[in-house]
Amino acid sequence: MHGLNTETTHLGISYHIQTQDKGLNVHYIESLIYKSGKLLSSRRTYYTAYLNSADLKENIDRLIKEQHNTILKEISEGKFEHF
């Protein structure tokens, strides 16, 4: 499995985002969002539509980056402040 890990701070609160491919046996990427060390939320994106694609790995890498960056943007916009 491969993925991304990022530590970020918003309004003095520490967030950790971990996004990874969970493998070809389950066909999805998963992001875990931690706030001050506690699991806050998770997000999954299935990639079954790309399974027969010649560029499957590239599509998975793109989905990982897009989902991870979307969550970072949402944190900076305050989406997770109320949790």
PDB file of N, CA and C in Angstrom:
ATOM      1  N   MET A   1       0.844  -1.186   0.000  1.00  0.00           N
ATOM      2  CA  MET A   1       0.000   0.000   0.000  1.00  0.00           C
ATOM      3  C   MET A   1       0.884   1.241   0.000  1.00  0.00           C
ATOM      4  N   HIS A   2       0.455   2.228  -0.722  1.00  0.00           N
ATOM      5  CA  HIS A   2       1.176   3.490  -0.741  1.00  0.00           C
ATOM      6  C   HIS A   2       0.190   4.618  -0.496  1.00  0.00           C
ATOM      7  N   GLY A   3       0.723   5.765  -0.096  1.00  0.00           N
ATOM      8  CA  GLY A   3      -0.171   6.874   0.184  1.00  0.00           C
ATOM      9  C   GLY A   3       0.564   8.109   0.647  1.00  0.00           C
ATOM     10  N   LEU A   4      -0.188   8.996   1.289  1.00  0.00           N
ATOM     11  CA  LEU A   4       0.318  10.279   1.759  1.00  0.00           C
ATOM     12  C   LEU A   4      -0.027  10.478   3.228  1.00  0.00           C
ATOM     13  N   ASN A   5       0.871  11.145   3.948  1.00  0.00           N
ATOM     14  CA  ASN A   5       0.641  11.536   5.340  1.00  0.00           C
ATOM     15  C   ASN A   5       1.007  13.002   5.475  1.00  0.00           C
ATOM     16  N   THR A   6       0.132  13.780   6.110  1.00  0.00           N
ATOM     17  CA  THR A   6       0.393  15.204   6.291  1.00  0.00           C
ATOM     18  C   THR A   6      -0.053  15.640   7.671  1.00  0.00           C
ATOM     19  N   GLU A   7       0.799  16.417   8.334  1.00  0.00           N
ATOM     20  CA  GLU A   7       0.457  17.097   9.587  1.00  0.00           C
ATOM     21  C   GLU A   7       0.192  18.559   9.234  1.00  0.00           C
ATOM     22  N   THR A   8      -0.898  19.100   9.740  1.00  0.00           N
ATOM     23  CA  THR A   8      -1.200  20.504   9.499  1.00  0.00           C
ATOM     24  C   THR A   8      -1.862  21.089  10.737  1.00  0.00           C
ATOM     25  N   THR A   9      -1.828  22.399  10.843  1.00  0.00           N
ATOM     26  CA  THR A   9      -2.449  23.091  11.966  1.00  0.00           C
ATOM     27  C   THR A   9      -3.399  24.146  11.431  1.00  0.00           C
ATOM     28  N   HIS A  10      -4.573  24.224  12.048  1.00  0.00           N
ATOM     29  CA  HIS A  10      -5.554  25.250  11.695  1.00  0.00           C
ATOM     30  C   HIS A  10      -6.114  25.822  12.989  1.00  0.00           C
ATOM     31  N   LEU A  11      -5.983  27.127  13.156  1.00  0.00           N
ATOM     32  CA  LEU A  11      -6.449  27.821  14.363  1.00  0.00           C
ATOM     33  C   LEU A  11      -5.885  27.180  15.639  1.00  0.00           C
ATOM     34  N   GLY A  12      -4.624  26.758  15.556  1.00  0.00           N
ATOM     35  CA  GLY A  12      -3.954  26.185  16.716  1.00  0.00           C
ATOM     36  C   GLY A  12      -4.279  24.731  16.998  1.00  0.00           C
ATOM     37  N   ILE A  13      -5.071  24.107  16.150  1.00  0.00           N
ATOM     38  CA  ILE A  13      -5.452  22.709  16.342  1.00  0.00           C
ATOM     39  C   ILE A  13      -4.676  21.851  15.345  1.00  0.00           C
ATOM     40  N   SER A  14      -4.092  20.761  15.850  1.00  0.00           N
ATOM     41  CA  SER A  14      -3.288  19.868  15.033  1.00  0.00           C
ATOM     42  C   SER A  14      -4.162  18.812  14.352  1.00  0.00           C
ATOM     43  N   TYR A  15      -3.944  18.638  13.056  1.00  0.00           N
ATOM     44  CA  TYR A  15      -4.642  17.622  12.269  1.00  0.00           C
ATOM     45  C   TYR A  15      -3.603  16.733  11.593  1.00  0.00           C
ATOM     46  N   HIS A  16      -3.939  15.466  11.482  1.00  0.00           N
ATOM     47  CA  HIS A  16      -3.100  14.527  10.733  1.00  0.00           C
ATOM     48  C   HIS A  16      -4.005  13.847   9.715  1.00  0.00           C
ATOM     49  N   ILE A  17      -3.575  13.842   8.461  1.00  0.00           N
ATOM     50  CA  ILE A  17      -4.337  13.212   7.396  1.00  0.00           C
ATOM     51  C   ILE A  17      -3.487  12.107   6.795  1.00  0.00           C
ATOM     52  N   GLN A  18      -4.072  10.926   6.724  1.00  0.00           N
ATOM     53  CA  GLN A  18      -3.395   9.761   6.162  1.00  0.00           C
ATOM     54  C   GLN A  18      -4.284   9.214   5.049  1.00  0.00           C
ATOM     55  N   THR A  19      -3.774   9.196   3.823  1.00  0.00           N
ATOM     56  CA  THR A  19      -4.529   8.694   2.682  1.00  0.00           C
ATOM     57  C   THR A  19      -3.722   7.586   2.029  1.00  0.00           C
ATOM     58  N   GLN A  20      -4.381   6.437   1.791  1.00  0.00           N
ATOM     59  CA  GLN A  20      -3.664   5.323   1.185  1.00  0.00           C
ATOM     60  C   GLN A  20      -4.584   4.435   0.370  1.00  0.00           C
ATOM     61  N   ASP A  21      -3.968   3.731  -0.563  1.00  0.00           N
ATOM     62  CA  ASP A  21      -4.659   2.712  -1.343  1.00  0.00           C
ATOM     63  C   ASP A  21      -4.802   1.486  -0.445  1.00  0.00           C
ATOM     64  N   LYS A  22      -5.999   0.993  -0.291  1.00  0.00           N
ATOM     65  CA  LYS A  22      -6.227  -0.166   0.572  1.00  0.00           C
ATOM     66  C   LYS A  22      -6.021  -1.488  -0.164  1.00  0.00           C
ATOM     67  N   GLY A  23      -5.738  -1.423  -1.461  1.00  0.00           N
ATOM     68  CA  GLY A  23      -5.367  -2.622  -2.204  1.00  0.00           C
ATOM     69  C   GLY A  23      -6.386  -3.055  -3.235  1.00  0.00           C
ATOM     70  N   LEU A  24      -5.904  -3.844  -4.182  1.00  0.00           N
ATOM     71  CA  LEU A  24      -6.750  -4.292  -5.284  1.00  0.00           C
ATOM     72  C   LEU A  24      -7.838  -5.265  -4.858  1.00  0.00           C
ATOM     73  N   ASN A  25      -7.727  -5.834  -3.685  1.00  0.00           N
ATOM     74  CA  ASN A  25      -8.776  -6.746  -3.228  1.00  0.00           C
ATOM     75  C   ASN A  25     -10.016  -6.003  -2.730  1.00  0.00           C
ATOM     76  N   VAL A  26      -9.894  -4.716  -2.367  1.00  0.00           N
ATOM     77  CA  VAL A  26     -11.060  -3.949  -1.911  1.00  0.00           C
ATOM     78  C   VAL A  26     -11.373  -2.753  -2.810  1.00  0.00           C
ATOM     79  N   HIS A  27     -10.458  -2.364  -3.665  1.00  0.00           N
ATOM     80  CA  HIS A  27     -10.672  -1.354  -4.710  1.00  0.00           C
ATOM     81  C   HIS A  27     -11.034   0.039  -4.209  1.00  0.00           C
ATOM     82  N   TYR A  28     -10.417   0.497  -3.140  1.00  0.00           N
ATOM     83  CA  TYR A  28     -10.671   1.871  -2.720  1.00  0.00           C
ATOM     84  C   TYR A  28      -9.458   2.480  -2.044  1.00  0.00           C
ATOM     85  N   ILE A  29      -9.469   3.819  -2.036  1.00  0.00           N
ATOM     86  CA  ILE A  29      -8.491   4.546  -1.238  1.00  0.00           C
ATOM     87  C   ILE A  29      -9.236   5.071  -0.020  1.00  0.00           C
ATOM     88  N   GLU A  30      -8.506   5.229   1.061  1.00  0.00           N
ATOM     89  CA  GLU A  30      -9.122   5.681   2.306  1.00  0.00           C
ATOM     90  C   GLU A  30      -8.277   6.780   2.933  1.00  0.00           C
ATOM     91  N   SER A  31      -8.966   7.802   3.389  1.00  0.00           N
ATOM     92  CA  SER A  31      -8.314   8.864   4.151  1.00  0.00           C
ATOM     93  C   SER A  31      -8.826   8.805   5.578  1.00  0.00           C
ATOM     94  N   LEU A  32      -7.894   8.900   6.522  1.00  0.00           N
ATOM     95  CA  LEU A  32      -8.235   9.003   7.938  1.00  0.00           C
ATOM     96  C   LEU A  32      -7.832  10.395   8.384  1.00  0.00           C
ATOM     97  N   ILE A  33      -8.743  11.064   9.069  1.00  0.00           N
ATOM     98  CA  ILE A  33      -8.508  12.435   9.511  1.00  0.00           C
ATOM     99  C   ILE A  33      -8.504  12.434  11.035  1.00  0.00           C
ATOM    100  N   TYR A  34      -7.365  12.831  11.600  1.00  0.00           N
ATOM    101  CA  TYR A  34      -7.196  12.881  13.047  1.00  0.00           C
ATOM    102  C   TYR A  34      -7.125  14.333  13.497  1.00  0.00           C
ATOM    103  N   LYS A  35      -7.752  14.616  14.619  1.00  0.00           N
ATOM    104  CA  LYS A  35      -7.710  15.945  15.232  1.00  0.00           C
ATOM    105  C   LYS A  35      -7.166  15.776  16.633  1.00  0.00           C
ATOM    106  N   SER A  36      -6.042  16.413  16.896  1.00  0.00           N
ATOM    107  CA  SER A  36      -5.379  16.304  18.205  1.00  0.00           C
ATOM    108  C   SER A  36      -5.201  14.855  18.626  1.00  0.00           C
ATOM    109  N   GLY A  37      -4.846  13.994  17.671  1.00  0.00           N
ATOM    110  CA  GLY A  37      -4.543  12.599  17.956  1.00  0.00           C
ATOM    111  C   GLY A  37      -5.718  11.644  17.966  1.00  0.00           C
ATOM    112  N   LYS A  38      -6.949  12.145  17.846  1.00  0.00           N
ATOM    113  CA  LYS A  38      -8.130  11.281  17.863  1.00  0.00           C
ATOM    114  C   LYS A  38      -8.730  11.196  16.472  1.00  0.00           C
ATOM    115  N   LEU A  39      -9.152   9.971  16.090  1.00  0.00           N
ATOM    116  CA  LEU A  39      -9.775   9.793  14.787  1.00  0.00           C
ATOM    117  C   LEU A  39     -11.053  10.611  14.715  1.00  0.00           C
ATOM    118  N   LEU A  40     -11.105  11.472  13.731  1.00  0.00           N
ATOM    119  CA  LEU A  40     -12.215  12.395  13.574  1.00  0.00           C
ATOM    120  C   LEU A  40     -13.191  11.915  12.507  1.00  0.00           C
ATOM    121  N   SER A  41     -12.649  11.472  11.400  1.00  0.00           N
ATOM    122  CA  SER A  41     -13.485  11.106  10.267  1.00  0.00           C
ATOM    123  C   SER A  41     -12.675  10.251   9.300  1.00  0.00           C
ATOM    124  N   SER A  42     -13.376   9.595   8.389  1.00  0.00           N
ATOM    125  CA  SER A  42     -12.709   8.860   7.319  1.00  0.00           C
ATOM    126  C   SER A  42     -13.469   9.107   6.025  1.00  0.00           C
ATOM    127  N   ARG A  43     -12.775   8.862   4.932  1.00  0.00           N
ATOM    128  CA  ARG A  43     -13.380   9.070   3.618  1.00  0.00           C
ATOM    129  C   ARG A  43     -12.832   8.003   2.682  1.00  0.00           C
ATOM    130  N   ARG A  44     -13.724   7.418   1.883  1.00  0.00           N
ATOM    131  CA  ARG A  44     -13.331   6.391   0.922  1.00  0.00           C
ATOM    132  C   ARG A  44     -13.729   6.801  -0.487  1.00  0.00           C
ATOM    133  N   THR A  45     -12.871   6.436  -1.427  1.00  0.00           N
ATOM    134  CA  THR A  45     -13.169   6.602  -2.843  1.00  0.00           C
ATOM    135  C   THR A  45     -12.854   5.277  -3.524  1.00  0.00           C
ATOM    136  N   TYR A  46     -13.867   4.700  -4.159  1.00  0.00           N
ATOM    137  CA  TYR A  46     -13.691   3.431  -4.868  1.00  0.00           C
ATOM    138  C   TYR A  46     -13.180   3.692  -6.275  1.00  0.00           C
ATOM    139  N   TYR A  47     -12.305   2.797  -6.750  1.00  0.00           N
ATOM    140  CA  TYR A  47     -11.747   2.961  -8.086  1.00  0.00           C
ATOM    141  C   TYR A  47     -12.062   1.767  -8.990  1.00  0.00           C
ATOM    142  N   THR A  48     -13.189   1.129  -8.768  1.00  0.00           N
ATOM    143  CA  THR A  48     -13.570  -0.037  -9.565  1.00  0.00           C
ATOM    144  C   THR A  48     -13.696   0.305 -11.053  1.00  0.00           C
ATOM    145  N   ALA A  49     -14.059   1.524 -11.387  1.00  0.00           N
ATOM    146  CA  ALA A  49     -14.205   1.922 -12.793  1.00  0.00           C
ATOM    147  C   ALA A  49     -12.874   1.878 -13.542  1.00  0.00           C
ATOM    148  N   TYR A  50     -11.756   1.898 -12.815  1.00  0.00           N
ATOM    149  CA  TYR A  50     -10.433   1.919 -13.444  1.00  0.00           C
ATOM    150  C   TYR A  50      -9.736   0.560 -13.448  1.00  0.00           C
ATOM    151  N   LEU A  51     -10.370  -0.469 -12.926  1.00  0.00           N
ATOM    152  CA  LEU A  51      -9.689  -1.755 -12.739  1.00  0.00           C
ATOM    153  C   LEU A  51      -9.140  -2.346 -14.035  1.00  0.00           C
ATOM    154  N   ASN A  52      -9.814  -2.179 -15.133  1.00  0.00           N
ATOM    155  CA  ASN A  52      -9.358  -2.735 -16.406  1.00  0.00           C
ATOM    156  C   ASN A  52      -8.549  -1.741 -17.222  1.00  0.00           C
ATOM    157  N   SER A  53      -8.227  -0.615 -16.637  1.00  0.00           N
ATOM    158  CA  SER A  53      -7.485   0.433 -17.322  1.00  0.00           C
ATOM    159  C   SER A  53      -5.991   0.110 -17.353  1.00  0.00           C
ATOM    160  N   ALA A  54      -5.356   0.421 -18.471  1.00  0.00           N
ATOM    161  CA  ALA A  54      -3.912   0.205 -18.591  1.00  0.00           C
ATOM    162  C   ALA A  54      -3.132   1.117 -17.652  1.00  0.00           C
ATOM    163  N   ASP A  55      -3.726   2.244 -17.290  1.00  0.00           N
ATOM    164  CA  ASP A  55      -3.057   3.196 -16.400  1.00  0.00           C
ATOM    165  C   ASP A  55      -3.681   3.206 -14.998  1.00  0.00           C
ATOM    166  N   LEU A  56      -3.990   2.011 -14.497  1.00  0.00           N
ATOM    167  CA  LEU A  56      -4.619   1.867 -13.177  1.00  0.00           C
ATOM    168  C   LEU A  56      -3.785   2.521 -12.091  1.00  0.00           C
ATOM    169  N   LYS A  57      -2.490   2.250 -12.053  1.00  0.00           N
ATOM    170  CA  LYS A  57      -1.631   2.817 -11.002  1.00  0.00           C
ATOM    171  C   LYS A  57      -1.651   4.341 -11.037  1.00  0.00           C
ATOM    172  N   GLU A  58      -1.582   4.922 -12.218  1.00  0.00           N
ATOM    173  CA  GLU A  58      -1.602   6.382 -12.348  1.00  0.00           C
ATOM    174  C   GLU A  58      -2.929   6.953 -11.867  1.00  0.00           C
ATOM    175  N   ASN A  59      -4.027   6.263 -12.174  1.00  0.00           N
ATOM    176  CA  ASN A  59      -5.344   6.717 -11.709  1.00  0.00           C
ATOM    177  C   ASN A  59      -5.454   6.640 -10.188  1.00  0.00           C
ATOM    178  N   ILE A  60      -4.934   5.571  -9.601  1.00  0.00           N
ATOM    179  CA  ILE A  60      -4.954   5.441  -8.145  1.00  0.00           C
ATOM    180  C   ILE A  60      -4.122   6.554  -7.515  1.00  0.00           C
ATOM    181  N   ASP A  61      -2.935   6.792  -8.056  1.00  0.00           N
ATOM    182  CA  ASP A  61      -2.080   7.874  -7.531  1.00  0.00           C
ATOM    183  C   ASP A  61      -2.782   9.224  -7.618  1.00  0.00           C
ATOM    184  N   ARG A  62      -3.464   9.476  -8.729  1.00  0.00           N
ATOM    185  CA  ARG A  62      -4.184  10.743  -8.904  1.00  0.00           C
ATOM    186  C   ARG A  62      -5.314  10.864  -7.884  1.00  0.00           C
ATOM    187  N   LEU A  63      -6.069   9.790  -7.691  1.00  0.00           N
ATOM    188  CA  LEU A  63      -7.170   9.812  -6.720  1.00  0.00           C
ATOM    189  C   LEU A  63      -6.656  10.047  -5.299  1.00  0.00           C
ATOM    190  N   ILE A  64      -5.537   9.424  -4.954  1.00  0.00           N
ATOM    191  CA  ILE A  64      -4.942   9.634  -3.628  1.00  0.00           C
ATOM    192  C   ILE A  64      -4.615  11.107  -3.438  1.00  0.00           C
ATOM    193  N   LYS A  65      -3.920  11.693  -4.400  1.00  0.00           N
ATOM    194  CA  LYS A  65      -3.527  13.103  -4.298  1.00  0.00           C
ATOM    195  C   LYS A  65      -4.739  14.023  -4.245  1.00  0.00           C
ATOM    196  N   GLU A  66      -5.730  13.773  -5.110  1.00  0.00           N
ATOM    197  CA  GLU A  66      -6.923  14.624  -5.133  1.00  0.00           C
ATOM    198  C   GLU A  66      -7.685  14.570  -3.816  1.00  0.00           C
ATOM    199  N   GLN A  67      -7.917  13.356  -3.306  1.00  0.00           N
ATOM    200  CA  GLN A  67      -8.666  13.228  -2.056  1.00  0.00           C
ATOM    201  C   GLN A  67      -7.902  13.856  -0.898  1.00  0.00           C
ATOM    202  N   HIS A  68      -6.606  13.601  -0.823  1.00  0.00           N
ATOM    203  CA  HIS A  68      -5.777  14.132   0.250  1.00  0.00           C
ATOM    204  C   HIS A  68      -5.776  15.665   0.219  1.00  0.00           C
ATOM    205  N   ASN A  69      -5.572  16.226  -0.961  1.00  0.00           N
ATOM    206  CA  ASN A  69      -5.539  17.687  -1.093  1.00  0.00           C
ATOM    207  C   ASN A  69      -6.895  18.322  -0.832  1.00  0.00           C
ATOM    208  N   THR A  70      -7.974  17.654  -1.189  1.00  0.00           N
ATOM    209  CA  THR A  70      -9.320  18.157  -0.891  1.00  0.00           C
ATOM    210  C   THR A  70      -9.536  18.258   0.610  1.00  0.00           C
ATOM    211  N   ILE A  71      -9.095  17.248   1.347  1.00  0.00           N
ATOM    212  CA  ILE A  71      -9.245  17.267   2.806  1.00  0.00           C
ATOM    213  C   ILE A  71      -8.400  18.379   3.416  1.00  0.00           C
ATOM    214  N   LEU A  72      -7.178  18.558   2.938  1.00  0.00           N
ATOM    215  CA  LEU A  72      -6.340  19.657   3.436  1.00  0.00           C
ATOM    216  C   LEU A  72      -7.018  21.009   3.201  1.00  0.00           C
ATOM    217  N   LYS A  73      -7.620  21.174   2.043  1.00  0.00           N
ATOM    218  CA  LYS A  73      -8.327  22.419   1.729  1.00  0.00           C
ATOM    219  C   LYS A  73      -9.519  22.599   2.670  1.00  0.00           C
ATOM    220  N   GLU A  74     -10.265  21.541   2.899  1.00  0.00           N
ATOM    221  CA  GLU A  74     -11.425  21.615   3.793  1.00  0.00           C
ATOM    222  C   GLU A  74     -11.008  21.983   5.213  1.00  0.00           C
ATOM    223  N   ILE A  75      -9.894  21.458   5.667  1.00  0.00           N
ATOM    224  CA  ILE A  75      -9.384  21.825   6.998  1.00  0.00           C
ATOM    225  C   ILE A  75      -9.073  23.312   7.038  1.00  0.00           C
ATOM    226  N   SER A  76      -8.398  23.807   6.013  1.00  0.00           N
ATOM    227  CA  SER A  76      -8.035  25.226   5.983  1.00  0.00           C
ATOM    228  C   SER A  76      -9.263  26.130   5.890  1.00  0.00           C
ATOM    229  N   GLU A  77     -10.368  25.587   5.397  1.00  0.00           N
ATOM    230  CA  GLU A  77     -11.623  26.343   5.291  1.00  0.00           C
ATOM    231  C   GLU A  77     -12.480  26.202   6.557  1.00  0.00           C
ATOM    232  N   GLY A  78     -12.026  25.403   7.539  1.00  0.00           N
ATOM    233  CA  GLY A  78     -12.735  25.262   8.800  1.00  0.00           C
ATOM    234  C   GLY A  78     -13.791  24.174   8.850  1.00  0.00           C
ATOM    235  N   LYS A  79     -13.834  23.297   7.871  1.00  0.00           N
ATOM    236  CA  LYS A  79     -14.886  22.287   7.823  1.00  0.00           C
ATOM    237  C   LYS A  79     -14.907  21.365   9.047  1.00  0.00           C
ATOM    238  N   PHE A  80     -13.766  21.099   9.655  1.00  0.00           N
ATOM    239  CA  PHE A  80     -13.699  20.143  10.754  1.00  0.00           C
ATOM    240  C   PHE A  80     -13.611  20.807  12.127  1.00  0.00           C
ATOM    241  N   GLU A  81     -13.815  22.100  12.207  1.00  0.00           N
ATOM    242  CA  GLU A  81     -13.721  22.812  13.483  1.00  0.00           C
ATOM    243  C   GLU A  81     -14.785  22.371  14.480  1.00  0.00           C
ATOM    244  N   HIS A  82     -15.965  22.033  14.010  1.00  0.00           N
ATOM    245  CA  HIS A  82     -17.081  21.709  14.904  1.00  0.00           C
ATOM    246  C   HIS A  82     -17.026  20.305  15.488  1.00  0.00           C
ATOM    247  N   PHE A  83     -16.101  19.464  15.025  1.00  0.00           N
ATOM    248  CA  PHE A  83     -15.998  18.084  15.530  1.00  0.00           C
ATOM    249  C   PHE A  83     -15.328  18.082  16.876  1.00  0.00           C
TER     250      PHE A  83
END
